[in-house]
Amino acid sequence: MIKREELSNPNSCLNRAKDDEVVFVLRAHDITAPSVIRYWCIERIATGKNKRDDEQIMSALADAERMERQRKGEDCVRPGCGHVRLIHDPQCDQCGCEGFMEAR
């Protein structure tokens, strides 16, 4: 999920939460986030809350992968671009932006 998209979607998980409900957010900047997301998926499947091919699980796993690409500097972070680039590329050829996370 992208923050802007999550906040603007009235049906998003965040927007469906009650005003006094505790929520926990994982950011791509957090190196542990992808593994925590994958563990959450394993637990959801193990407890019978989801099946492996459920949209919720597939979306979460895709987010974990995208977080890893962003941390490596391989994924454009410009909203709506979705272009994956190689670290050595000086600029995104798809959208012309320079909005990449630095490779760490």
N, C-alpha and C. Protein backbone atom coordinates (compact mmCIF):
# COMPACT_ATOMS: atom_id res chain seq x y z
N MET A 1 0.84 -1.18 0.00
CA MET A 1 0.00 0.00 0.00
C MET A 1 0.88 1.24 0.00
N ILE A 2 0.43 2.23 -0.65
CA ILE A 2 1.09 3.53 -0.66
C ILE A 2 0.28 4.45 0.25
N LYS A 3 0.95 5.19 1.11
CA LYS A 3 0.27 6.02 2.11
C LYS A 3 -0.86 6.85 1.49
N ARG A 4 -0.55 7.56 0.43
CA ARG A 4 -1.53 8.45 -0.20
C ARG A 4 -2.77 7.66 -0.65
N GLU A 5 -2.54 6.48 -1.22
CA GLU A 5 -3.65 5.65 -1.70
C GLU A 5 -4.47 5.11 -0.53
N GLU A 6 -3.79 4.71 0.52
CA GLU A 6 -4.47 4.16 1.70
C GLU A 6 -5.38 5.21 2.34
N LEU A 7 -4.89 6.43 2.45
CA LEU A 7 -5.67 7.50 3.08
C LEU A 7 -6.85 7.95 2.23
N SER A 8 -6.69 7.88 0.90
CA SER A 8 -7.76 8.36 0.02
C SER A 8 -8.82 7.30 -0.28
N ASN A 9 -8.55 6.06 0.05
CA ASN A 9 -9.50 4.98 -0.21
C ASN A 9 -10.37 4.75 1.02
N PRO A 10 -11.67 5.05 0.93
CA PRO A 10 -12.55 4.88 2.10
C PRO A 10 -12.69 3.42 2.55
N ASN A 11 -12.35 2.47 1.67
CA ASN A 11 -12.46 1.06 2.02
C ASN A 11 -11.14 0.44 2.44
N SER A 12 -10.11 1.26 2.61
CA SER A 12 -8.81 0.72 3.00
C SER A 12 -8.86 0.21 4.44
N CYS A 13 -7.92 -0.63 4.75
CA CYS A 13 -7.82 -1.18 6.11
C CYS A 13 -7.72 -0.06 7.14
N LEU A 14 -6.88 0.91 6.87
CA LEU A 14 -6.70 2.02 7.80
C LEU A 14 -7.99 2.82 7.99
N ASN A 15 -8.68 3.10 6.90
CA ASN A 15 -9.90 3.90 7.00
C ASN A 15 -11.08 3.11 7.55
N ARG A 16 -11.02 1.78 7.50
CA ARG A 16 -12.09 0.96 8.10
C ARG A 16 -11.90 0.81 9.60
N ALA A 17 -10.70 1.10 10.10
CA ALA A 17 -10.46 0.99 11.54
C ALA A 17 -11.31 2.01 12.29
N LYS A 18 -11.80 1.61 13.44
CA LYS A 18 -12.58 2.53 14.27
C LYS A 18 -11.67 3.64 14.79
N ASP A 19 -12.25 4.76 15.08
CA ASP A 19 -11.47 5.91 15.55
C ASP A 19 -10.66 5.62 16.80
N ASP A 20 -11.14 4.72 17.65
CA ASP A 20 -10.41 4.41 18.88
C ASP A 20 -9.71 3.04 18.81
N GLU A 21 -9.62 2.47 17.61
CA GLU A 21 -8.96 1.17 17.43
C GLU A 21 -7.44 1.36 17.31
N VAL A 22 -6.70 0.51 17.97
CA VAL A 22 -5.24 0.55 17.89
C VAL A 22 -4.81 -0.02 16.53
N VAL A 23 -3.93 0.69 15.84
CA VAL A 23 -3.37 0.22 14.57
C VAL A 23 -1.85 0.30 14.67
N PHE A 24 -1.19 -0.49 13.86
CA PHE A 24 0.27 -0.51 13.84
C PHE A 24 0.70 -0.41 12.39
N VAL A 25 1.59 0.51 12.07
CA VAL A 25 2.03 0.75 10.69
C VAL A 25 3.48 0.32 10.53
N LEU A 26 3.75 -0.40 9.45
CA LEU A 26 5.12 -0.75 9.08
C LEU A 26 5.50 0.08 7.86
N ARG A 27 6.68 0.67 7.90
CA ARG A 27 7.15 1.50 6.79
C ARG A 27 8.26 0.79 6.02
N ALA A 28 8.36 1.08 4.74
CA ALA A 28 9.42 0.50 3.91
C ALA A 28 10.80 0.86 4.45
N HIS A 29 10.89 1.98 5.11
CA HIS A 29 12.16 2.43 5.69
C HIS A 29 12.67 1.47 6.77
N ASP A 30 11.77 0.72 7.40
CA ASP A 30 12.12 -0.22 8.46
C ASP A 30 12.60 -1.53 7.82
N ILE A 31 13.85 -1.86 8.05
CA ILE A 31 14.44 -3.05 7.42
C ILE A 31 13.73 -4.34 7.82
N THR A 32 13.04 -4.36 8.94
CA THR A 32 12.34 -5.57 9.39
C THR A 32 10.94 -5.72 8.80
N ALA A 33 10.42 -4.67 8.19
CA ALA A 33 9.03 -4.69 7.72
C ALA A 33 8.70 -5.85 6.78
N PRO A 34 9.48 -6.12 5.73
CA PRO A 34 9.10 -7.23 4.84
C PRO A 34 8.99 -8.58 5.54
N SER A 35 9.92 -8.88 6.45
CA SER A 35 9.86 -10.17 7.14
C SER A 35 8.67 -10.22 8.10
N VAL A 36 8.33 -9.10 8.72
CA VAL A 36 7.16 -9.05 9.61
C VAL A 36 5.89 -9.27 8.80
N ILE A 37 5.80 -8.68 7.63
CA ILE A 37 4.64 -8.87 6.76
C ILE A 37 4.51 -10.33 6.35
N ARG A 38 5.62 -10.94 5.97
CA ARG A 38 5.59 -12.36 5.57
C ARG A 38 5.16 -13.25 6.74
N TYR A 39 5.63 -12.95 7.93
CA TYR A 39 5.22 -13.72 9.11
C TYR A 39 3.72 -13.56 9.35
N TRP A 40 3.22 -12.34 9.21
CA TRP A 40 1.79 -12.08 9.38
C TRP A 40 0.99 -12.94 8.38
N CYS A 41 1.47 -13.02 7.15
CA CYS A 41 0.78 -13.84 6.14
C CYS A 41 0.75 -15.31 6.55
N ILE A 42 1.88 -15.81 7.04
CA ILE A 42 1.96 -17.20 7.50
C ILE A 42 0.96 -17.45 8.62
N GLU A 43 0.89 -16.55 9.57
CA GLU A 43 -0.03 -16.69 10.70
C GLU A 43 -1.49 -16.61 10.25
N ARG A 44 -1.80 -15.71 9.33
CA ARG A 44 -3.19 -15.60 8.83
C ARG A 44 -3.62 -16.90 8.17
N ILE A 45 -2.71 -17.50 7.40
CA ILE A 45 -3.03 -18.76 6.72
C ILE A 45 -3.12 -19.90 7.75
N ALA A 46 -2.18 -19.95 8.68
CA ALA A 46 -2.16 -21.02 9.69
C ALA A 46 -3.40 -21.00 10.58
N THR A 47 -3.93 -19.83 10.85
CA THR A 47 -5.12 -19.73 11.72
C THR A 47 -6.43 -19.87 10.94
N GLY A 48 -6.32 -20.03 9.63
CA GLY A 48 -7.51 -20.20 8.81
C GLY A 48 -8.21 -18.90 8.44
N LYS A 49 -7.62 -17.78 8.77
CA LYS A 49 -8.23 -16.48 8.44
C LYS A 49 -8.13 -16.18 6.95
N ASN A 50 -7.10 -16.69 6.30
CA ASN A 50 -6.91 -16.48 4.86
C ASN A 50 -6.40 -17.76 4.22
N LYS A 51 -6.51 -17.80 2.89
CA LYS A 51 -5.89 -18.84 2.08
C LYS A 51 -4.73 -18.20 1.33
N ARG A 52 -3.79 -19.01 0.90
CA ARG A 52 -2.57 -18.51 0.26
C ARG A 52 -2.86 -17.60 -0.93
N ASP A 53 -3.91 -17.88 -1.68
CA ASP A 53 -4.18 -17.10 -2.88
C ASP A 53 -5.22 -15.99 -2.66
N ASP A 54 -5.57 -15.69 -1.41
CA ASP A 54 -6.49 -14.58 -1.12
C ASP A 54 -5.85 -13.26 -1.53
N GLU A 55 -6.65 -12.35 -2.01
CA GLU A 55 -6.16 -11.03 -2.43
C GLU A 55 -5.41 -10.31 -1.31
N GLN A 56 -5.90 -10.41 -0.08
CA GLN A 56 -5.26 -9.75 1.06
C GLN A 56 -3.83 -10.26 1.25
N ILE A 57 -3.64 -11.56 1.12
CA ILE A 57 -2.32 -12.16 1.27
C ILE A 57 -1.43 -11.79 0.09
N MET A 58 -1.95 -11.89 -1.11
CA MET A 58 -1.17 -11.56 -2.31
C MET A 58 -0.73 -10.10 -2.28
N SER A 59 -1.61 -9.22 -1.86
CA SER A 59 -1.28 -7.80 -1.77
C SER A 59 -0.20 -7.54 -0.72
N ALA A 60 -0.31 -8.19 0.42
CA ALA A 60 0.67 -8.01 1.49
C ALA A 60 2.05 -8.50 1.04
N LEU A 61 2.10 -9.65 0.38
CA LEU A 61 3.38 -10.17 -0.10
C LEU A 61 3.98 -9.27 -1.18
N ALA A 62 3.13 -8.72 -2.03
CA ALA A 62 3.62 -7.78 -3.05
C ALA A 62 4.18 -6.53 -2.39
N ASP A 63 3.53 -6.06 -1.33
CA ASP A 63 4.03 -4.89 -0.60
C ASP A 63 5.40 -5.19 0.02
N ALA A 64 5.57 -6.39 0.57
CA ALA A 64 6.85 -6.76 1.17
C ALA A 64 7.96 -6.75 0.12
N GLU A 65 7.66 -7.28 -1.05
CA GLU A 65 8.64 -7.29 -2.13
C GLU A 65 8.97 -5.87 -2.59
N ARG A 66 7.95 -5.04 -2.70
CA ARG A 66 8.19 -3.66 -3.14
C ARG A 66 9.02 -2.90 -2.10
N MET A 67 8.76 -3.14 -0.83
CA MET A 67 9.56 -2.50 0.23
C MET A 67 11.03 -2.86 0.06
N GLU A 68 11.29 -4.13 -0.22
CA GLU A 68 12.68 -4.56 -0.41
C GLU A 68 13.31 -3.89 -1.62
N ARG A 69 12.57 -3.79 -2.71
CA ARG A 69 13.10 -3.12 -3.90
C ARG A 69 13.38 -1.65 -3.62
N GLN A 70 12.48 -0.99 -2.88
CA GLN A 70 12.70 0.42 -2.56
C GLN A 70 13.95 0.60 -1.71
N ARG A 71 14.15 -0.28 -0.73
CA ARG A 71 15.33 -0.17 0.12
C ARG A 71 16.61 -0.38 -0.67
N LYS A 72 16.54 -1.20 -1.72
CA LYS A 72 17.72 -1.44 -2.57
C LYS A 72 17.90 -0.34 -3.61
N GLY A 73 16.92 0.55 -3.72
CA GLY A 73 16.99 1.61 -4.72
C GLY A 73 16.56 1.16 -6.09
N GLU A 74 15.85 0.05 -6.17
CA GLU A 74 15.44 -0.51 -7.45
C GLU A 74 14.04 -0.10 -7.88
N ASP A 75 13.30 0.52 -6.99
CA ASP A 75 11.89 0.80 -7.28
C ASP A 75 11.64 2.29 -7.19
N CYS A 76 10.98 2.83 -8.18
CA CYS A 76 10.63 4.24 -8.19
C CYS A 76 9.59 4.50 -7.11
N VAL A 77 9.75 5.57 -6.36
CA VAL A 77 8.79 5.87 -5.31
C VAL A 77 7.86 7.02 -5.71
N ARG A 78 7.90 7.41 -6.98
CA ARG A 78 7.00 8.45 -7.46
C ARG A 78 5.60 7.85 -7.53
N PRO A 79 4.60 8.51 -6.95
CA PRO A 79 3.24 7.96 -6.95
C PRO A 79 2.74 7.64 -8.36
N GLY A 80 2.24 6.41 -8.52
CA GLY A 80 1.65 6.01 -9.78
C GLY A 80 2.62 5.50 -10.81
N CYS A 81 3.92 5.65 -10.60
CA CYS A 81 4.88 5.22 -11.61
C CYS A 81 4.95 3.70 -11.65
N GLY A 82 5.33 3.10 -10.54
CA GLY A 82 5.43 1.64 -10.48
C GLY A 82 6.60 1.07 -11.25
N HIS A 83 7.44 1.92 -11.83
CA HIS A 83 8.57 1.46 -12.62
C HIS A 83 9.66 0.91 -11.73
N VAL A 84 10.18 -0.24 -12.09
CA VAL A 84 11.32 -0.82 -11.38
C VAL A 84 12.56 -0.54 -12.21
N ARG A 85 13.57 0.02 -11.59
CA ARG A 85 14.79 0.34 -12.32
C ARG A 85 15.98 -0.34 -11.67
N LEU A 86 17.07 -0.39 -12.38
CA LEU A 86 18.30 -0.91 -11.82
C LEU A 86 18.98 0.18 -11.01
N ILE A 87 19.73 -0.21 -10.01
CA ILE A 87 20.38 0.75 -9.12
C ILE A 87 21.27 1.72 -9.89
N HIS A 88 21.99 1.24 -10.93
CA HIS A 88 22.94 2.10 -11.63
C HIS A 88 22.29 3.09 -12.59
N ASP A 89 21.00 2.95 -12.88
CA ASP A 89 20.33 3.92 -13.75
C ASP A 89 20.29 5.28 -13.07
N PRO A 90 20.67 6.35 -13.76
CA PRO A 90 20.70 7.67 -13.13
C PRO A 90 19.31 8.25 -12.91
N GLN A 91 18.33 7.80 -13.66
CA GLN A 91 17.00 8.40 -13.59
C GLN A 91 15.99 7.41 -14.15
N CYS A 92 14.78 7.51 -13.71
CA CYS A 92 13.71 6.62 -14.19
C CYS A 92 13.37 6.98 -15.63
N ASP A 93 13.58 6.06 -16.55
CA ASP A 93 13.28 6.30 -17.96
C ASP A 93 11.77 6.31 -18.24
N GLN A 94 11.01 5.74 -17.34
CA GLN A 94 9.58 5.62 -17.57
C GLN A 94 8.81 6.89 -17.25
N CYS A 95 9.18 7.57 -16.16
CA CYS A 95 8.41 8.74 -15.75
C CYS A 95 9.26 10.00 -15.68
N GLY A 96 10.56 9.86 -15.88
CA GLY A 96 11.42 11.04 -15.88
C GLY A 96 11.71 11.59 -14.50
N CYS A 97 11.32 10.88 -13.46
CA CYS A 97 11.53 11.41 -12.11
C CYS A 97 12.90 11.03 -11.58
N GLU A 98 13.25 11.63 -10.52
CA GLU A 98 14.47 11.25 -9.81
C GLU A 98 14.08 10.80 -8.41
N GLY A 99 12.85 10.36 -8.24
CA GLY A 99 12.32 10.03 -6.91
C GLY A 99 12.60 8.63 -6.47
N PHE A 100 13.86 8.26 -6.36
CA PHE A 100 14.21 6.93 -5.92
C PHE A 100 14.80 7.00 -4.52
N MET A 101 14.57 5.94 -3.77
CA MET A 101 15.27 5.83 -2.49
C MET A 101 16.72 5.48 -2.80
N GLU A 102 17.64 6.00 -2.05
CA GLU A 102 19.03 5.68 -2.23
C GLU A 102 19.27 4.22 -1.85
N ALA A 103 20.12 3.57 -2.59
CA ALA A 103 20.50 2.20 -2.25
C ALA A 103 21.27 2.24 -0.94
N ARG A 104 20.95 1.35 -0.04
CA ARG A 104 21.60 1.32 1.27
C ARG A 104 22.36 0.03 1.45
